[in-house]
C-alpha atoms as a PDB file:
ATOM      1  CA  UNK A   1    -112.844  21.137  23.252  1.00  0.00           C
ATOM      2  CA  UNK A   2    -113.035  18.822  20.264  1.00  0.00           C
ATOM      3  CA  UNK A   3    -110.034  16.469  20.315  1.00  0.00           C
ATOM      4  CA  UNK A   4    -110.338  15.350  16.687  1.00  0.00           C
ATOM      5  CA  UNK A   5    -112.567  16.030  13.687  1.00  0.00           C
ATOM      6  CA  UNK A   6    -112.279  12.875  11.596  1.00  0.00           C
ATOM      7  CA  UNK A   7    -111.925   9.209  12.544  1.00  0.00           C
ATOM      8  CA  UNK A   8    -110.802   6.641   9.966  1.00  0.00           C
ATOM      9  CA  UNK A   9    -110.955   2.887  10.571  1.00  0.00           C
ATOM     10  CA  UNK A  10    -108.294   1.494   8.231  1.00  0.00           C
ATOM     11  CA  UNK A  11    -108.638  -2.088   6.987  1.00  0.00           C
ATOM     12  CA  UNK A  12    -105.202  -2.295   5.346  1.00  0.00           C
ATOM     13  CA  UNK A  13    -101.760  -0.765   5.698  1.00  0.00           C
ATOM     14  CA  UNK A  14    -102.231   1.093   2.409  1.00  0.00           C
ATOM     15  CA  UNK A  15    -105.494   2.625   3.631  1.00  0.00           C
ATOM     16  CA  UNK A  16    -103.833   3.826   6.824  1.00  0.00           C
ATOM     17  CA  UNK A  17    -100.895   5.389   5.019  1.00  0.00           C
ATOM     18  CA  UNK A  18    -103.189   7.105   2.519  1.00  0.00           C
ATOM     19  CA  UNK A  19    -105.398   8.524   5.282  1.00  0.00           C
ATOM     20  CA  UNK A  20    -102.380   9.929   7.147  1.00  0.00           C
ATOM     21  CA  UNK A  21    -100.951  11.519   4.009  1.00  0.00           C
ATOM     22  CA  UNK A  22    -104.235  13.096   2.953  1.00  0.00           C
ATOM     23  CA  UNK A  23    -104.872  14.549   6.395  1.00  0.00           C
ATOM     24  CA  UNK A  24    -101.481  16.269   6.477  1.00  0.00           C
ATOM     25  CA  UNK A  25     -99.537  16.954   9.668  1.00  0.00           C
ATOM     26  CA  UNK A  26    -102.620  16.990  11.921  1.00  0.00           C
ATOM     27  CA  UNK A  27    -103.169  13.236  11.765  1.00  0.00           C
ATOM     28  CA  UNK A  28    -102.194  10.454  14.150  1.00  0.00           C
ATOM     29  CA  UNK A  29    -102.397   6.673  13.933  1.00  0.00           C
ATOM     30  CA  UNK A  30    -104.032   5.027  16.949  1.00  0.00           C
ATOM     31  CA  UNK A  31    -104.211   1.387  18.029  1.00  0.00           C
ATOM     32  CA  UNK A  32    -104.587   0.852  21.779  1.00  0.00           C
ATOM     33  CA  UNK A  33    -104.672   4.598  22.395  1.00  0.00           C
ATOM     34  CA  UNK A  34    -103.604   4.266  26.030  1.00  0.00           C
ATOM     35  CA  UNK A  35    -101.057   7.085  25.690  1.00  0.00           C
ATOM     36  CA  UNK A  36    -102.400   9.225  22.855  1.00  0.00           C
ATOM     37  CA  UNK A  37    -106.024   9.550  23.981  1.00  0.00           C
ATOM     38  CA  UNK A  38    -105.024  10.352  27.542  1.00  0.00           C
ATOM     39  CA  UNK A  39    -102.646  13.075  26.375  1.00  0.00           C
ATOM     40  CA  UNK A  40    -105.324  14.560  24.127  1.00  0.00           C
ATOM     41  CA  UNK A  41    -107.794  14.640  27.021  1.00  0.00           C
ATOM     42  CA  UNK A  42    -105.253  16.225  29.376  1.00  0.00           C
ATOM     43  CA  UNK A  43    -104.106  18.831  26.869  1.00  0.00           C
ATOM     44  CA  UNK A  44    -100.554  17.484  26.695  1.00  0.00           C
ATOM     45  CA  UNK A  45    -101.037  16.749  22.988  1.00  0.00           C
ATOM     46  CA  UNK A  46    -102.501  19.343  20.636  1.00  0.00           C
ATOM     47  CA  UNK A  47    -105.772  18.322  19.041  1.00  0.00           C
ATOM     48  CA  UNK A  48    -105.547  16.463  15.749  1.00  0.00           C
ATOM     49  CA  UNK A  49    -107.721  16.637  12.653  1.00  0.00           C
ATOM     50  CA  UNK A  50    -107.748  12.904  11.893  1.00  0.00           C
ATOM     51  CA  UNK A  51    -107.250   9.782  13.959  1.00  0.00           C
ATOM     52  CA  UNK A  52    -106.421   6.746  11.845  1.00  0.00           C
ATOM     53  CA  UNK A  53    -107.365   3.557  13.687  1.00  0.00           C
ATOM     54  CA  UNK A  54    -104.977   0.735  12.708  1.00  0.00           C
ATOM     55  CA  UNK A  55    -106.188  -1.830  15.256  1.00  0.00           C
ATOM     56  CA  UNK A  56    -108.148  -3.883  12.691  1.00  0.00           C
ATOM     57  CA  UNK A  57    -105.306  -4.286  10.171  1.00  0.00           C
ATOM     58  CA  UNK A  58    -104.420  -8.019  10.024  1.00  0.00           C
ATOM     59  CA  UNK A  59    -100.739  -7.432   9.179  1.00  0.00           C
ATOM     60  CA  UNK A  60    -100.257  -5.536  12.445  1.00  0.00           C
ATOM     61  CA  UNK A  61    -101.689  -8.419  14.501  1.00  0.00           C
ATOM     62  CA  UNK A  62     -99.288 -11.138  13.377  1.00  0.00           C
ATOM     63  CA  UNK A  63     -96.854 -12.817  15.764  1.00  0.00           C
ATOM     64  CA  UNK A  64     -94.929 -15.507  13.919  1.00  0.00           C
ATOM     65  CA  UNK A  65     -91.619 -16.846  12.704  1.00  0.00           C
ATOM     66  CA  UNK A  66     -90.946 -15.225   9.352  1.00  0.00           C
ATOM     67  CA  UNK A  67     -87.833 -15.602   7.210  1.00  0.00           C
ATOM     68  CA  UNK A  68     -85.770 -17.030  10.059  1.00  0.00           C
ATOM     69  CA  UNK A  69     -86.728 -14.212  12.439  1.00  0.00           C
ATOM     70  CA  UNK A  70     -89.465 -13.555  14.962  1.00  0.00           C
ATOM     71  CA  UNK A  71     -91.973 -11.018  13.649  1.00  0.00           C
ATOM     72  CA  UNK A  72     -94.097  -9.097  16.155  1.00  0.00           C
ATOM     73  CA  UNK A  73     -96.856  -6.966  14.670  1.00  0.00           C
ATOM     74  CA  UNK A  74     -97.008  -3.394  15.928  1.00  0.00           C
ATOM     75  CA  UNK A  75    -100.679  -3.827  16.824  1.00  0.00           C
ATOM     76  CA  UNK A  76    -100.205  -6.887  19.030  1.00  0.00           C
ATOM     77  CA  UNK A  77    -101.448  -6.084  22.571  1.00  0.00           C
ATOM     78  CA  UNK A  78     -98.685  -6.391  25.144  1.00  0.00           C
ATOM     79  CA  UNK A  79    -100.794  -8.850  27.192  1.00  0.00           C
ATOM     80  CA  UNK A  80    -100.627 -11.269  24.258  1.00  0.00           C
ATOM     81  CA  UNK A  81     -96.865 -10.819  24.055  1.00  0.00           C
ATOM     82  CA  UNK A  82     -96.496 -11.658  27.741  1.00  0.00           C
ATOM     83  CA  UNK A  83     -98.313 -14.976  27.276  1.00  0.00           C
ATOM     84  CA  UNK A  84     -97.096 -16.028  23.828  1.00  0.00           C
ATOM     85  CA  UNK A  85     -94.808 -19.113  23.845  1.00  0.00           C
ATOM     86  CA  UNK A  86     -92.635 -17.766  20.979  1.00  0.00           C
ATOM     87  CA  UNK A  87     -91.928 -14.578  22.921  1.00  0.00           C
ATOM     88  CA  UNK A  88     -91.309 -16.372  26.211  1.00  0.00           C
ATOM     89  CA  UNK A  89     -88.725 -18.598  24.532  1.00  0.00           C
ATOM     90  CA  UNK A  90     -87.002 -16.213  22.134  1.00  0.00           C
ATOM     91  CA  UNK A  91     -87.348 -12.801  23.828  1.00  0.00           C
ATOM     92  CA  UNK A  92     -87.800 -13.171  27.608  1.00  0.00           C
ATOM     93  CA  UNK A  93     -86.478  -9.648  28.157  1.00  0.00           C
ATOM     94  CA  UNK A  94     -89.260  -8.223  25.989  1.00  0.00           C
ATOM     95  CA  UNK A  95     -91.817 -10.337  27.866  1.00  0.00           C
ATOM     96  CA  UNK A  96     -90.586  -8.955  31.202  1.00  0.00           C
ATOM     97  CA  UNK A  97     -90.776  -5.377  29.926  1.00  0.00           C
ATOM     98  CA  UNK A  98     -94.268  -5.800  28.474  1.00  0.00           C
ATOM     99  CA  UNK A  99     -95.437  -7.342  31.730  1.00  0.00           C
ATOM    100  CA  UNK A 100     -94.626  -4.069  33.516  1.00  0.00           C
ATOM    101  CA  UNK A 101     -96.525  -1.754  31.169  1.00  0.00           C
ATOM    102  CA  UNK A 102     -99.483  -0.345  33.100  1.00  0.00           C
ATOM    103  CA  UNK A 103    -101.950  -2.686  34.791  1.00  0.00           C
ATOM    104  CA  UNK A 104    -103.864  -5.684  33.399  1.00  0.00           C
ATOM    105  CA  UNK A 105    -106.537  -3.574  31.697  1.00  0.00           C
ATOM    106  CA  UNK A 106    -103.937  -1.349  30.034  1.00  0.00           C
ATOM    107  CA  UNK A 107    -101.912  -4.364  28.857  1.00  0.00           C
ATOM    108  CA  UNK A 108    -105.000  -5.839  27.222  1.00  0.00           C
ATOM    109  CA  UNK A 109    -105.272  -2.720  25.052  1.00  0.00           C
ATOM    110  CA  UNK A 110    -101.816  -1.156  24.781  1.00  0.00           C
ATOM    111  CA  UNK A 111     -99.658  -2.271  21.849  1.00  0.00           C
ATOM    112  CA  UNK A 112     -95.922  -2.710  21.467  1.00  0.00           C
ATOM    113  CA  UNK A 113     -96.027  -0.461  18.403  1.00  0.00           C
ATOM    114  CA  UNK A 114     -97.660   2.308  20.398  1.00  0.00           C
ATOM    115  CA  UNK A 115     -95.043   1.980  23.124  1.00  0.00           C
ATOM    116  CA  UNK A 116     -92.324   2.521  20.515  1.00  0.00           C
ATOM    117  CA  UNK A 117     -94.099   5.148  18.392  1.00  0.00           C
ATOM    118  CA  UNK A 118     -94.680   7.332  21.445  1.00  0.00           C
ATOM    119  CA  UNK A 119     -90.886   7.857  21.331  1.00  0.00           C
ATOM    120  CA  UNK A 120     -90.231   8.304  25.039  1.00  0.00           C
ATOM    121  CA  UNK A 121     -86.638   7.485  26.053  1.00  0.00           C
ATOM    122  CA  UNK A 122     -87.716   5.262  28.973  1.00  0.00           C
ATOM    123  CA  UNK A 123     -90.546   3.265  27.361  1.00  0.00           C
ATOM    124  CA  UNK A 124     -90.176  -0.255  28.721  1.00  0.00           C
ATOM    125  CA  UNK A 125     -91.064  -2.185  25.572  1.00  0.00           C
ATOM    126  CA  UNK A 126     -88.875   0.014  23.416  1.00  0.00           C
ATOM    127  CA  UNK A 127     -85.841  -0.375  25.723  1.00  0.00           C
ATOM    128  CA  UNK A 128     -86.202  -4.161  25.626  1.00  0.00           C
ATOM    129  CA  UNK A 129     -86.420  -4.119  21.816  1.00  0.00           C
ATOM    130  CA  UNK A 130     -83.276  -1.976  21.628  1.00  0.00           C
ATOM    131  CA  UNK A 131     -81.311  -4.625  23.521  1.00  0.00           C
ATOM    132  CA  UNK A 132     -82.623  -7.244  21.087  1.00  0.00           C
ATOM    133  CA  UNK A 133     -81.277  -5.169  18.165  1.00  0.00           C
ATOM    134  CA  UNK A 134     -84.780  -5.098  16.721  1.00  0.00           C
ATOM    135  CA  UNK A 135     -85.501  -3.817  13.232  1.00  0.00           C
ATOM    136  CA  UNK A 136     -88.776  -1.987  12.596  1.00  0.00           C
ATOM    137  CA  UNK A 137     -90.878  -2.499   9.486  1.00  0.00           C
ATOM    138  CA  UNK A 138     -92.326   0.866   8.491  1.00  0.00           C
ATOM    139  CA  UNK A 139     -94.979   1.639   5.874  1.00  0.00           C
ATOM    140  CA  UNK A 140     -95.223   4.915   3.997  1.00  0.00           C
ATOM    141  CA  UNK A 141     -96.188   6.370   0.662  1.00  0.00           C
ATOM    142  CA  UNK A 142     -93.240   4.628  -0.996  1.00  0.00           C
ATOM    143  CA  UNK A 143     -94.081   1.203   0.430  1.00  0.00           C
ATOM    144  CA  UNK A 144     -92.431  -0.852   3.154  1.00  0.00           C
ATOM    145  CA  UNK A 145     -88.930  -0.329   4.488  1.00  0.00           C
ATOM    146  CA  UNK A 146     -86.820  -1.695   7.327  1.00  0.00           C
ATOM    147  CA  UNK A 147     -85.327   0.694   9.882  1.00  0.00           C
ATOM    148  CA  UNK A 148     -83.007  -0.226  12.781  1.00  0.00           C
ATOM    149  CA  UNK A 149     -85.006   0.561  15.902  1.00  0.00           C
ATOM    150  CA  UNK A 150     -82.790   3.298  17.348  1.00  0.00           C
ATOM    151  CA  UNK A 151     -82.827   5.195  14.040  1.00  0.00           C
ATOM    152  CA  UNK A 152     -86.545   5.906  14.466  1.00  0.00           C
ATOM    153  CA  UNK A 153     -86.117   8.538  17.179  1.00  0.00           C
ATOM    154  CA  UNK A 154     -85.490  12.280  16.984  1.00  0.00           C
ATOM    155  CA  UNK A 155     -86.139  13.336  20.589  1.00  0.00           C
ATOM    156  CA  UNK A 156     -88.713  12.969  23.368  1.00  0.00           C
ATOM    157  CA  UNK A 157     -92.013  12.255  21.643  1.00  0.00           C
ATOM    158  CA  UNK A 158     -90.491  12.793  18.185  1.00  0.00           C
ATOM    159  CA  UNK A 159     -89.754  10.200  15.523  1.00  0.00           C
ATOM    160  CA  UNK A 160     -89.313   9.833  11.793  1.00  0.00           C
ATOM    161  CA  UNK A 161     -92.787   8.280  11.651  1.00  0.00           C
ATOM    162  CA  UNK A 162     -94.506  11.616  12.271  1.00  0.00           C
ATOM    163  CA  UNK A 163     -92.172  13.437   9.896  1.00  0.00           C
ATOM    164  CA  UNK A 164     -92.918  11.041   7.022  1.00  0.00           C
ATOM    165  CA  UNK A 165     -96.591  10.188   7.721  1.00  0.00           C
ATOM    166  CA  UNK A 166     -95.605   6.554   8.221  1.00  0.00           C
ATOM    167  CA  UNK A 167     -96.877   3.786  10.461  1.00  0.00           C
ATOM    168  CA  UNK A 168     -95.161   0.940  12.240  1.00  0.00           C
ATOM    169  CA  UNK A 169     -96.096  -2.454  10.819  1.00  0.00           C
ATOM    170  CA  UNK A 170     -94.013  -4.574  13.177  1.00  0.00           C
ATOM    171  CA  UNK A 171     -90.624  -5.612  14.497  1.00  0.00           C
ATOM    172  CA  UNK A 172     -88.137  -8.301  13.523  1.00  0.00           C
ATOM    173  CA  UNK A 173     -86.205  -9.971  16.347  1.00  0.00           C
ATOM    174  CA  UNK A 174     -83.505 -12.637  16.108  1.00  0.00           C
ATOM    175  CA  UNK A 175     -84.506 -16.150  17.071  1.00  0.00           C
ATOM    176  CA  UNK A 176     -82.781 -17.302  20.227  1.00  0.00           C
ATOM    177  CA  UNK A 177     -80.139 -19.998  19.951  1.00  0.00           C
ATOM    178  CA  UNK A 178     -78.081 -21.943  22.490  1.00  0.00           C
ATOM    179  CA  UNK A 179     -75.934 -19.702  24.672  1.00  0.00           C
ATOM    180  CA  UNK A 180     -78.177 -16.633  24.352  1.00  0.00           C
ATOM    181  CA  UNK A 181     -80.270 -14.925  27.004  1.00  0.00           C
ATOM    182  CA  UNK A 182     -82.053 -11.642  27.590  1.00  0.00           C
ATOM    183  CA  UNK A 183     -83.525  -9.874  30.613  1.00  0.00           C
ATOM    184  CA  UNK A 184     -85.163  -6.628  31.702  1.00  0.00           C
ATOM    185  CA  UNK A 185     -85.660  -4.807  34.979  1.00  0.00           C
ATOM    186  CA  UNK A 186     -86.596  -1.353  36.198  1.00  0.00           C
ATOM    187  CA  UNK A 187     -86.956   0.762  39.312  1.00  0.00           C
ATOM    188  CA  UNK A 188     -90.087   2.880  39.386  1.00  0.00           C
ATOM    189  CA  UNK A 189     -91.748   5.518  41.516  1.00  0.00           C
ATOM    190  CA  UNK A 190     -95.552   5.271  41.714  1.00  0.00           C
ATOM    191  CA  UNK A 191     -97.107   8.678  40.971  1.00  0.00           C
ATOM    192  CA  UNK A 192    -100.636   7.850  39.887  1.00  0.00           C
ATOM    193  CA  UNK A 193     -99.018   6.228  36.844  1.00  0.00           C
ATOM    194  CA  UNK A 194     -95.794   4.355  37.545  1.00  0.00           C
ATOM    195  CA  UNK A 195     -92.793   6.163  36.076  1.00  0.00           C
ATOM    196  CA  UNK A 196     -89.491   4.350  35.661  1.00  0.00           C
ATOM    197  CA  UNK A 197     -86.664   6.061  37.507  1.00  0.00           C
ATOM    198  CA  UNK A 198     -84.415   3.881  35.409  1.00  0.00           C
ATOM    199  CA  UNK A 199     -84.818   0.744  33.314  1.00  0.00           C
ATOM    200  CA  UNK A 200     -82.411  -1.601  31.584  1.00  0.00           C
ATOM    201  CA  UNK A 201     -82.481  -4.494  29.133  1.00  0.00           C
ATOM    202  CA  UNK A 202     -79.601  -6.804  28.259  1.00  0.00           C
ATOM    203  CA  UNK A 203     -79.114  -9.443  25.574  1.00  0.00           C
ATOM    204  CA  UNK A 204     -75.971 -11.560  25.596  1.00  0.00           C
ATOM    205  CA  UNK A 205     -74.270 -14.499  23.946  1.00  0.00           C
ATOM    206  CA  UNK A 206     -72.079 -16.627  26.174  1.00  0.00           C
ATOM    207  CA  UNK A 207     -69.419 -19.142  25.233  1.00  0.00           C
ATOM    208  CA  UNK A 208     -68.423 -21.280  28.180  1.00  0.00           C
ATOM    209  CA  UNK A 209     -67.724 -18.859  31.020  1.00  0.00           C
ATOM    210  CA  UNK A 210     -67.132 -15.826  28.793  1.00  0.00           C
ATOM    211  CA  UNK A 211     -69.357 -13.121  27.327  1.00  0.00           C
ATOM    212  CA  UNK A 212     -68.961 -13.415  23.577  1.00  0.00           C
ATOM    213  CA  UNK A 213     -71.294 -10.529  22.719  1.00  0.00           C
ATOM    214  CA  UNK A 214     -73.638  -8.238  24.670  1.00  0.00           C
ATOM    215  CA  UNK A 215     -76.123  -5.407  24.090  1.00  0.00           C
ATOM    216  CA  UNK A 216     -77.209  -3.094  26.917  1.00  0.00           C
ATOM    217  CA  UNK A 217     -80.038  -0.560  26.590  1.00  0.00           C
ATOM    218  CA  UNK A 218     -80.748   2.008  29.322  1.00  0.00           C
ATOM    219  CA  UNK A 219     -83.470   4.605  29.770  1.00  0.00           C
ATOM    220  CA  UNK A 220     -83.910   7.420  30.334  1.00  0.00           C
ATOM    221  CA  UNK A 221     -80.309   8.430  29.688  1.00  0.00           C
ATOM    222  CA  UNK A 222     -80.888  11.183  27.122  1.00  0.00           C
ATOM    223  CA  UNK A 223     -83.519  12.557  24.752  1.00  0.00           C
ATOM    224  CA  UNK A 224     -83.582   9.303  22.782  1.00  0.00           C
ATOM    225  CA  UNK A 225     -83.089   5.629  23.731  1.00  0.00           C
ATOM    226  CA  UNK A 226     -79.454   4.816  24.499  1.00  0.00           C
ATOM    227  CA  UNK A 227     -77.143   1.820  24.310  1.00  0.00           C
ATOM    228  CA  UNK A 228     -74.250   1.548  26.766  1.00  0.00           C
ATOM    229  CA  UNK A 229     -71.751   1.052  23.947  1.00  0.00           C
ATOM    230  CA  UNK A 230     -68.596   1.561  26.022  1.00  0.00           C
ATOM    231  CA  UNK A 231     -69.684  -1.125  28.477  1.00  0.00           C
ATOM    232  CA  UNK A 232     -70.660  -3.489  25.669  1.00  0.00           C
ATOM    233  CA  UNK A 233     -67.214  -3.097  24.097  1.00  0.00           C
ATOM    234  CA  UNK A 234     -65.511  -3.659  27.454  1.00  0.00           C
ATOM    235  CA  UNK A 235     -67.418  -6.888  28.114  1.00  0.00           C
ATOM    236  CA  UNK A 236     -66.830  -8.467  24.683  1.00  0.00           C
ATOM    237  CA  UNK A 237     -64.804 -11.649  25.123  1.00  0.00           C
ATOM    238  CA  UNK A 238     -64.359 -11.156  28.855  1.00  0.00           C
ATOM    239  CA  UNK A 239     -64.918 -13.927  31.415  1.00  0.00           C
ATOM    240  CA  UNK A 240     -67.988 -13.329  33.533  1.00  0.00           C
ATOM    241  CA  UNK A 241     -66.442 -12.878  36.971  1.00  0.00           C
ATOM    242  CA  UNK A 242     -67.230 -10.631  39.962  1.00  0.00           C
ATOM    243  CA  UNK A 243     -64.136  -8.560  39.144  1.00  0.00           C
ATOM    244  CA  UNK A 244     -65.182  -7.971  35.530  1.00  0.00           C
ATOM    245  CA  UNK A 245     -68.745  -7.164  36.594  1.00  0.00           C
ATOM    246  CA  UNK A 246     -67.452  -4.620  39.126  1.00  0.00           C
ATOM    247  CA  UNK A 247     -65.338  -2.942  36.447  1.00  0.00           C
ATOM    248  CA  UNK A 248     -68.369  -2.822  34.157  1.00  0.00           C
ATOM    249  CA  UNK A 249     -70.337  -1.083  36.921  1.00  0.00           C
ATOM    250  CA  UNK A 250     -67.674   1.607  37.287  1.00  0.00           C
ATOM    251  CA  UNK A 251     -67.560   2.076  33.526  1.00  0.00           C
ATOM    252  CA  UNK A 252     -71.324   2.453  33.078  1.00  0.00           C
ATOM    253  CA  UNK A 253     -71.443   4.972  35.931  1.00  0.00           C
ATOM    254  CA  UNK A 254     -68.683   7.050  34.376  1.00  0.00           C
ATOM    255  CA  UNK A 255     -69.919   6.955  30.781  1.00  0.00           C
ATOM    256  CA  UNK A 256     -73.730   7.200  31.025  1.00  0.00           C
ATOM    257  CA  UNK A 257     -74.905  10.759  31.641  1.00  0.00           C
ATOM    258  CA  UNK A 258     -78.135  11.314  33.578  1.00  0.00           C
ATOM    259  CA  UNK A 259     -80.038  14.455  34.494  1.00  0.00           C
ATOM    260  CA  UNK A 260     -82.070  15.340  37.551  1.00  0.00           C
ATOM    261  CA  UNK A 261     -85.806  15.014  36.996  1.00  0.00           C
ATOM    262  CA  UNK A 262     -88.312  16.308  39.583  1.00  0.00           C
ATOM    263  CA  UNK A 263     -90.737  13.551  38.527  1.00  0.00           C
ATOM    264  CA  UNK A 264     -88.209  10.724  38.636  1.00  0.00           C
ATOM    265  CA  UNK A 265     -84.949  11.118  40.589  1.00  0.00           C
ATOM    266  CA  UNK A 266     -81.691  13.034  40.891  1.00  0.00           C
ATOM    267  CA  UNK A 267     -78.838  12.470  38.492  1.00  0.00           C
ATOM    268  CA  UNK A 268     -76.678  11.223  41.379  1.00  0.00           C
ATOM    269  CA  UNK A 269     -79.229   8.604  42.399  1.00  0.00           C
ATOM    270  CA  UNK A 270     -79.646   7.361  38.849  1.00  0.00           C
ATOM    271  CA  UNK A 271     -75.883   7.142  38.451  1.00  0.00           C
ATOM    272  CA  UNK A 272     -75.763   4.914  41.524  1.00  0.00           C
ATOM    273  CA  UNK A 273     -78.803   2.928  40.430  1.00  0.00           C
ATOM    274  CA  UNK A 274     -77.506   2.133  36.942  1.00  0.00           C
ATOM    275  CA  UNK A 275     -74.725   0.045  38.472  1.00  0.00           C
ATOM    276  CA  UNK A 276     -77.188  -1.849  40.656  1.00  0.00           C
ATOM    277  CA  UNK A 277     -79.414  -2.589  37.656  1.00  0.00           C
ATOM    278  CA  UNK A 278     -76.452  -3.669  35.554  1.00  0.00           C
ATOM    279  CA  UNK A 279     -75.469  -6.346  38.061  1.00  0.00           C
ATOM    280  CA  UNK A 280     -79.062  -7.574  38.388  1.00  0.00           C
ATOM    281  CA  UNK A 281     -79.944  -7.726  34.700  1.00  0.00           C
ATOM    282  CA  UNK A 282     -76.551  -9.038  33.577  1.00  0.00           C
ATOM    283  CA  UNK A 283     -76.759 -11.931  36.033  1.00  0.00           C
ATOM    284  CA  UNK A 284     -80.296 -12.802  34.939  1.00  0.00           C
ATOM    285  CA  UNK A 285     -79.392 -12.755  31.235  1.00  0.00           C
ATOM    286  CA  UNK A 286     -76.248 -14.807  31.963  1.00  0.00           C
ATOM    287  CA  UNK A 287     -78.205 -17.500  33.781  1.00  0.00           C
ATOM    288  CA  UNK A 288     -80.788 -17.694  30.996  1.00  0.00           C
ATOM    289  CA  UNK A 289     -78.030 -18.085  28.431  1.00  0.00           C
ATOM    290  CA  UNK A 290     -76.977 -21.323  30.151  1.00  0.00           C
ATOM    291  CA  UNK A 291     -80.199 -23.111  29.166  1.00  0.00           C
ATOM    292  CA  UNK A 292     -82.489 -22.749  26.195  1.00  0.00           C
ATOM    293  CA  UNK A 293     -85.974 -22.731  27.682  1.00  0.00           C
ATOM    294  CA  UNK A 294     -88.931 -20.411  28.048  1.00  0.00           C
ATOM    295  CA  UNK A 295     -89.378 -18.246  31.125  1.00  0.00           C
END
């Protein structure tokens, strides 16, 4: 079976957007291709008319400080993110997540943009970006626009990018300052390809011995990426003590709703596990917030 009919190597963002629009709904952008090409080969993705290769577009390969924020191009391979000094200083949680994507060969090819655009609710890179309150730069027929990360998603494998024939250009993350830390962890079950039973990313700002502000992203906890908003609100302004942490565990277990998945775990196990992950990731982010240095 022919998986695609036309292959376009785009040199610019405008070329990529034009190629997607002209091909209609049967077109897909591809960079690393570690998810898309495998799904096409296995029949889990219907064949497409046009693949638009965006891997050679310079704007998608940039990783730099831009306008007081850290910009990460959507085409940057996750192996480069893991090693980059800017990322290790300003977004250690994202570095940890990217370091768990596939094996070394996959990380050399897979991109952070592809991890997000695939729109799976437990994608490691995407969960870490959600905790960082990342903003996506998206290119379409009407030019560039900024979209808060969680507003991209419509459901498992579905996003506004496909609906609008748009591509991800990159992500803006806040630069880390004193008193801030982030962390990521997951529990996975090896099944040929490692699937996360549950993953979690946390960013926090501490003032003295109190949590001034916190963001907690968990996956998979629904059809789209989720933030544990009730727990975040509870922790605002609270001292970081064993008693407060224990109350946060009870709250996240009572407010996050999980389902049983034959490929991952039961809802009951995930409900237990989310409390364990919360304690682990919260402690790691808290410790990192006490000193401004790279991991």
